[in-house]
C-alpha atoms as a PDB file:
ATOM      1  CA  MET A   1       0.133   0.062  -0.238  1.00  0.00           C
ATOM      2  CA  LEU A   2       3.135   2.334   1.068  1.00  0.00           C
ATOM      3  CA  LYS A   3       4.783   1.208  -2.254  1.00  0.00           C
ATOM      4  CA  ASN A   4       1.587   2.257  -4.285  1.00  0.00           C
ATOM      5  CA  LEU A   5       1.070   5.565  -2.698  1.00  0.00           C
ATOM      6  CA  PHE A   6       4.674   6.221  -3.360  1.00  0.00           C
ATOM      7  CA  PHE A   7       4.691   5.542  -6.936  1.00  0.00           C
ATOM      8  CA  GLY A   8       1.173   7.409  -7.519  1.00  0.00           C
ATOM      9  CA  ILE A   9       2.888  10.549  -5.865  1.00  0.00           C
ATOM     10  CA  SER A  10       5.957   9.810  -8.236  1.00  0.00           C
ATOM     11  CA  PHE A  11       3.915   9.612 -10.850  1.00  0.00           C
ATOM     12  CA  LEU A  12       1.938  12.876 -10.696  1.00  0.00           C
ATOM     13  CA  LEU A  13       5.477  14.895  -9.340  1.00  0.00           C
ATOM     14  CA  ALA A  14       6.429  13.527 -12.579  1.00  0.00           C
ATOM     15  CA  ALA A  15       3.504  13.945 -15.001  1.00  0.00           C
ATOM     16  CA  THR A  16       3.591  17.902 -13.369  1.00  0.00           C
ATOM     17  CA  SER A  17       7.291  18.466 -14.001  1.00  0.00           C
ATOM     18  CA  LEU A  18       7.039  17.063 -17.488  1.00  0.00           C
ATOM     19  CA  GLN A  19       3.958  18.990 -18.484  1.00  0.00           C
ATOM     20  CA  ALA A  20       5.796  22.385 -17.327  1.00  0.00           C
ATOM     21  CA  GLN A  21       7.807  22.651 -20.869  1.00  0.00           C
ATOM     22  CA  VAL A  22       4.803  23.703 -23.129  1.00  0.00           C
ATOM     23  CA  TYR A  23       5.634  27.089 -24.803  1.00  0.00           C
ATOM     24  CA  GLY A  24       3.176  28.470 -27.294  1.00  0.00           C
ATOM     25  CA  THR A  25       2.114  31.846 -29.381  1.00  0.00           C
ATOM     26  CA  ARG A  26      -0.277  33.110 -31.673  1.00  0.00           C
ATOM     27  CA  ASN A  27       1.978  35.873 -32.963  1.00  0.00           C
ATOM     28  CA  GLY A  28       5.145  34.315 -34.135  1.00  0.00           C
ATOM     29  CA  VAL A  29       6.895  36.231 -37.012  1.00  0.00           C
ATOM     30  CA  ILE A  30       8.236  34.984 -40.062  1.00  0.00           C
ATOM     31  CA  HIS A  31      10.206  37.260 -42.372  1.00  0.00           C
ATOM     32  CA  PHE A  32      11.050  36.594 -45.856  1.00  0.00           C
ATOM     33  CA  VAL A  33      13.738  38.307 -48.055  1.00  0.00           C
ATOM     34  CA  SER A  34      14.161  38.270 -52.048  1.00  0.00           C
ATOM     35  CA  LYS A  35      17.476  39.982 -52.886  1.00  0.00           C
ATOM     36  CA  THR A  36      18.163  40.360 -56.454  1.00  0.00           C
ATOM     37  CA  PRO A  37      20.093  43.094 -58.368  1.00  0.00           C
ATOM     38  CA  LEU A  38      16.975  44.552 -59.869  1.00  0.00           C
ATOM     39  CA  GLU A  39      14.784  44.435 -56.634  1.00  0.00           C
ATOM     40  CA  ASN A  40      14.628  43.115 -52.907  1.00  0.00           C
ATOM     41  CA  ILE A  41      11.212  42.152 -51.497  1.00  0.00           C
ATOM     42  CA  GLU A  42      10.438  41.757 -48.233  1.00  0.00           C
ATOM     43  CA  ALA A  43       7.161  40.300 -46.513  1.00  0.00           C
ATOM     44  CA  THR A  44       6.367  39.760 -42.826  1.00  0.00           C
ATOM     45  CA  ASN A  45       3.722  37.532 -41.133  1.00  0.00           C
ATOM     46  CA  SER A  46       3.028  38.117 -37.578  1.00  0.00           C
ATOM     47  CA  GLN A  47       0.116  36.128 -37.086  1.00  0.00           C
ATOM     48  CA  VAL A  48       2.170  32.681 -36.773  1.00  0.00           C
ATOM     49  CA  ASN A  49       0.968  30.073 -34.407  1.00  0.00           C
ATOM     50  CA  ALA A  50       3.327  28.259 -32.756  1.00  0.00           C
ATOM     51  CA  VAL A  51       3.923  25.631 -30.120  1.00  0.00           C
ATOM     52  CA  MET A  52       7.394  24.601 -28.878  1.00  0.00           C
ATOM     53  CA  ASP A  53       6.964  21.054 -26.349  1.00  0.00           C
ATOM     54  CA  PHE A  54      10.392  20.770 -24.894  1.00  0.00           C
ATOM     55  CA  ASN A  55       9.725  17.201 -22.962  1.00  0.00           C
ATOM     56  CA  GLU A  56       8.859  16.228 -26.687  1.00  0.00           C
ATOM     57  CA  LYS A  57      11.410  17.973 -28.511  1.00  0.00           C
ATOM     58  CA  LYS A  58       8.754  19.105 -30.772  1.00  0.00           C
ATOM     59  CA  ILE A  59       7.997  22.296 -32.728  1.00  0.00           C
ATOM     60  CA  ALA A  60       5.395  23.049 -34.836  1.00  0.00           C
ATOM     61  CA  PHE A  61       3.801  25.965 -36.852  1.00  0.00           C
ATOM     62  CA  SER A  62       1.208  27.279 -38.777  1.00  0.00           C
ATOM     63  CA  LEU A  63       0.242  30.316 -40.841  1.00  0.00           C
ATOM     64  CA  LEU A  64      -2.265  31.988 -43.420  1.00  0.00           C
ATOM     65  CA  MET A  65      -0.092  32.974 -46.566  1.00  0.00           C
ATOM     66  CA  LYS A  66      -2.671  36.052 -46.856  1.00  0.00           C
ATOM     67  CA  GLY A  67      -1.166  37.081 -43.485  1.00  0.00           C
ATOM     68  CA  PHE A  68       2.307  38.261 -45.202  1.00  0.00           C
ATOM     69  CA  LEU A  69       2.519  42.032 -45.456  1.00  0.00           C
ATOM     70  CA  PHE A  70       4.516  43.479 -48.331  1.00  0.00           C
ATOM     71  CA  GLU A  71       5.660  47.186 -48.745  1.00  0.00           C
ATOM     72  CA  ARG A  72       3.730  47.640 -51.738  1.00  0.00           C
ATOM     73  CA  ASP A  73       0.283  46.300 -52.630  1.00  0.00           C
ATOM     74  CA  LEU A  74       1.069  45.247 -56.239  1.00  0.00           C
ATOM     75  CA  GLN A  75       3.562  42.860 -54.425  1.00  0.00           C
ATOM     76  CA  GLN A  76       1.426  41.589 -51.944  1.00  0.00           C
ATOM     77  CA  GLN A  77      -1.365  40.749 -54.655  1.00  0.00           C
ATOM     78  CA  HIS A  78       1.155  39.013 -57.055  1.00  0.00           C
ATOM     79  CA  PHE A  79       2.441  36.911 -54.056  1.00  0.00           C
ATOM     80  CA  ASN A  80      -0.913  35.554 -53.094  1.00  0.00           C
ATOM     81  CA  GLU A  81      -2.762  35.253 -56.926  1.00  0.00           C
ATOM     82  CA  ASN A  82       0.210  34.392 -58.582  1.00  0.00           C
ATOM     83  CA  TYR A  83       2.911  32.570 -56.360  1.00  0.00           C
ATOM     84  CA  ALA A  84       1.663  31.713 -53.460  1.00  0.00           C
ATOM     85  CA  GLU A  85      -1.990  30.982 -54.880  1.00  0.00           C
ATOM     86  CA  SER A  86      -2.865  31.843 -51.369  1.00  0.00           C
ATOM     87  CA  ASP A  87      -6.758  30.834 -52.409  1.00  0.00           C
ATOM     88  CA  LYS A  88      -5.899  27.287 -53.194  1.00  0.00           C
ATOM     89  CA  PHE A  89      -2.995  27.132 -50.989  1.00  0.00           C
ATOM     90  CA  PRO A  90      -4.073  29.183 -47.728  1.00  0.00           C
ATOM     91  CA  LYS A  91      -1.842  27.611 -45.197  1.00  0.00           C
ATOM     92  CA  SER A  92       2.162  26.712 -44.419  1.00  0.00           C
ATOM     93  CA  ASN A  93       3.321  24.770 -41.459  1.00  0.00           C
ATOM     94  CA  PHE A  94       6.508  23.055 -40.168  1.00  0.00           C
ATOM     95  CA  ASN A  95       6.324  20.035 -38.087  1.00  0.00           C
ATOM     96  CA  GLY A  96       9.402  19.197 -36.568  1.00  0.00           C
ATOM     97  CA  SER A  97      11.332  18.605 -33.638  1.00  0.00           C
ATOM     98  CA  ILE A  98      14.386  19.942 -31.645  1.00  0.00           C
ATOM     99  CA  ILE A  99      17.867  18.518 -31.745  1.00  0.00           C
ATOM    100  CA  GLY A 100      19.823  19.587 -28.879  1.00  0.00           C
ATOM    101  CA  ASP A 101      18.863  20.299 -25.117  1.00  0.00           C
ATOM    102  CA  VAL A 102      16.947  22.870 -23.713  1.00  0.00           C
ATOM    103  CA  ASP A 103      16.511  23.384 -20.039  1.00  0.00           C
ATOM    104  CA  VAL A 104      13.387  25.167 -19.460  1.00  0.00           C
ATOM    105  CA  LYS A 105      14.296  25.954 -16.114  1.00  0.00           C
ATOM    106  CA  LYS A 106      17.557  27.819 -16.228  1.00  0.00           C
ATOM    107  CA  ASP A 107      17.633  30.904 -18.184  1.00  0.00           C
ATOM    108  CA  GLY A 108      20.351  31.132 -21.187  1.00  0.00           C
ATOM    109  CA  THR A 109      20.555  30.647 -24.698  1.00  0.00           C
ATOM    110  CA  TYR A 110      20.825  27.350 -26.372  1.00  0.00           C
ATOM    111  CA  ASN A 111      22.018  26.508 -29.278  1.00  0.00           C
ATOM    112  CA  VAL A 112      20.157  23.511 -31.363  1.00  0.00           C
ATOM    113  CA  LYS A 113      19.166  22.423 -34.263  1.00  0.00           C
ATOM    114  CA  VAL A 114      15.360  22.121 -35.902  1.00  0.00           C
ATOM    115  CA  LYS A 115      14.560  19.361 -38.285  1.00  0.00           C
ATOM    116  CA  GLY A 116      11.181  18.600 -39.973  1.00  0.00           C
ATOM    117  CA  MET A 117       8.608  19.010 -42.547  1.00  0.00           C
ATOM    118  CA  LEU A 118       8.075  22.161 -44.169  1.00  0.00           C
ATOM    119  CA  THR A 119       4.683  22.725 -46.258  1.00  0.00           C
ATOM    120  CA  ILE A 120       4.407  25.606 -48.954  1.00  0.00           C
ATOM    121  CA  HIS A 121       2.038  25.809 -51.488  1.00  0.00           C
ATOM    122  CA  GLY A 122       1.264  21.962 -50.908  1.00  0.00           C
ATOM    123  CA  VAL A 123       4.270  20.419 -51.096  1.00  0.00           C
ATOM    124  CA  SER A 124       6.427  19.400 -47.975  1.00  0.00           C
ATOM    125  CA  GLN A 125      10.243  19.405 -47.792  1.00  0.00           C
ATOM    126  CA  LEU A 126      12.863  18.510 -45.565  1.00  0.00           C
ATOM    127  CA  ILE A 127      14.293  21.575 -43.460  1.00  0.00           C
ATOM    128  CA  GLU A 128      17.187  21.260 -40.987  1.00  0.00           C
ATOM    129  CA  THR A 129      18.907  24.498 -39.762  1.00  0.00           C
ATOM    130  CA  PRO A 130      20.918  25.509 -36.854  1.00  0.00           C
ATOM    131  CA  ALA A 131      18.593  27.596 -34.181  1.00  0.00           C
ATOM    132  CA  THR A 132      18.767  29.332 -30.947  1.00  0.00           C
ATOM    133  CA  ILE A 133      16.220  29.254 -27.928  1.00  0.00           C
ATOM    134  CA  GLN A 134      16.604  31.862 -25.490  1.00  0.00           C
ATOM    135  CA  VAL A 135      14.838  31.200 -22.134  1.00  0.00           C
ATOM    136  CA  ASN A 136      14.078  34.127 -19.763  1.00  0.00           C
ATOM    137  CA  GLY A 137      11.509  33.075 -16.875  1.00  0.00           C
ATOM    138  CA  ASN A 138       8.655  31.652 -18.291  1.00  0.00           C
ATOM    139  CA  LYS A 139       9.214  32.932 -22.039  1.00  0.00           C
ATOM    140  CA  VAL A 140      11.348  31.226 -24.379  1.00  0.00           C
ATOM    141  CA  ILE A 141      12.260  32.829 -27.980  1.00  0.00           C
ATOM    142  CA  GLY A 142      13.212  30.487 -30.854  1.00  0.00           C
ATOM    143  CA  LYS A 143      14.932  31.825 -33.967  1.00  0.00           C
ATOM    144  CA  CYS A 144      16.124  30.591 -36.880  1.00  0.00           C
ATOM    145  CA  THR A 145      17.110  31.810 -40.364  1.00  0.00           C
ATOM    146  CA  PHE A 146      17.019  29.506 -43.613  1.00  0.00           C
ATOM    147  CA  ASN A 147      16.821  29.502 -47.155  1.00  0.00           C
ATOM    148  CA  VAL A 148      13.992  27.766 -49.475  1.00  0.00           C
ATOM    149  CA  LYS A 149      14.083  27.601 -53.334  1.00  0.00           C
ATOM    150  CA  PRO A 150      10.233  28.397 -54.772  1.00  0.00           C
ATOM    151  CA  GLU A 151      11.047  25.886 -57.459  1.00  0.00           C
ATOM    152  CA  ASP A 152      11.456  23.048 -54.766  1.00  0.00           C
ATOM    153  CA  TYR A 153       7.630  24.142 -53.662  1.00  0.00           C
ATOM    154  CA  LYS A 154       6.199  24.243 -57.222  1.00  0.00           C
ATOM    155  CA  ILE A 155       6.356  27.613 -57.362  1.00  0.00           C
ATOM    156  CA  SER A 156       6.263  29.123 -60.724  1.00  0.00           C
ATOM    157  CA  ILE A 157       7.858  32.664 -61.677  1.00  0.00           C
ATOM    158  CA  PRO A 158       6.954  33.813 -64.750  1.00  0.00           C
ATOM    159  CA  SER A 159       9.997  34.564 -67.242  1.00  0.00           C
ATOM    160  CA  VAL A 160       8.946  38.072 -67.287  1.00  0.00           C
ATOM    161  CA  VAL A 161       9.604  38.714 -63.611  1.00  0.00           C
ATOM    162  CA  ARG A 162      12.282  35.734 -62.878  1.00  0.00           C
ATOM    163  CA  ASP A 163      15.259  38.353 -62.488  1.00  0.00           C
ATOM    164  CA  LYS A 164      13.816  40.193 -59.806  1.00  0.00           C
ATOM    165  CA  ILE A 165      13.154  37.240 -57.472  1.00  0.00           C
ATOM    166  CA  ALA A 166      15.998  35.370 -56.258  1.00  0.00           C
ATOM    167  CA  LYS A 167      16.368  31.578 -56.687  1.00  0.00           C
ATOM    168  CA  GLU A 168      16.921  31.281 -52.959  1.00  0.00           C
ATOM    169  CA  VAL A 169      14.504  33.063 -50.670  1.00  0.00           C
ATOM    170  CA  GLN A 170      15.454  33.947 -47.255  1.00  0.00           C
ATOM    171  CA  ILE A 171      13.444  33.074 -44.088  1.00  0.00           C
ATOM    172  CA  GLN A 172      13.789  34.595 -40.893  1.00  0.00           C
ATOM    173  CA  VAL A 173      11.592  32.953 -37.887  1.00  0.00           C
ATOM    174  CA  GLN A 174      11.412  34.260 -34.652  1.00  0.00           C
ATOM    175  CA  ILE A 175       8.619  32.487 -32.198  1.00  0.00           C
ATOM    176  CA  ASP A 176       8.340  34.252 -28.942  1.00  0.00           C
ATOM    177  CA  ALA A 177       6.707  31.899 -27.192  1.00  0.00           C
ATOM    178  CA  ASN A 178       4.985  32.088 -23.573  1.00  0.00           C
ATOM    179  CA  PHE A 179       4.293  28.848 -20.888  1.00  0.00           C
ATOM    180  CA  ILE A 180       1.570  26.892 -21.459  1.00  0.00           C
ATOM    181  CA  LYS A 181       1.433  23.907 -19.165  1.00  0.00           C
END
């Protein structure tokens, strides 16, 4: 009986400890940059839903493609209608793993890798990139930068504008997440 009580209390403490490592946000930021000698194109989406589970070492984010805001309205219109085809492929998401150790109970910056499937334009590709996770109390900030090729996601670039869009687009991710459970 005493052994079962001890086991039960130990299990509850362990379960509580394990649950206390999930962080999330609805306001993550993804910024992309296409740089060419003819034109630089940039857009930011500040409505990224993201969850980081440090027990399972999992990370996921999802966003609406129409959430990207451009400096010029015409760029935004072309992006949504011609390239991302946002009505046909409204969401982009990432589901992956955190490779490396992060102690969410200890403030500091942790260098890790993030590896998983990035889906854009209905096409999923494996991404692996270095990342940093900064722990500050009940908040974690995850950051990474990587490149994608539009052609890898079956995004067609018309020849008339091909020289204005980079062959590789830089993606910058920043997830400022708060403690969930």
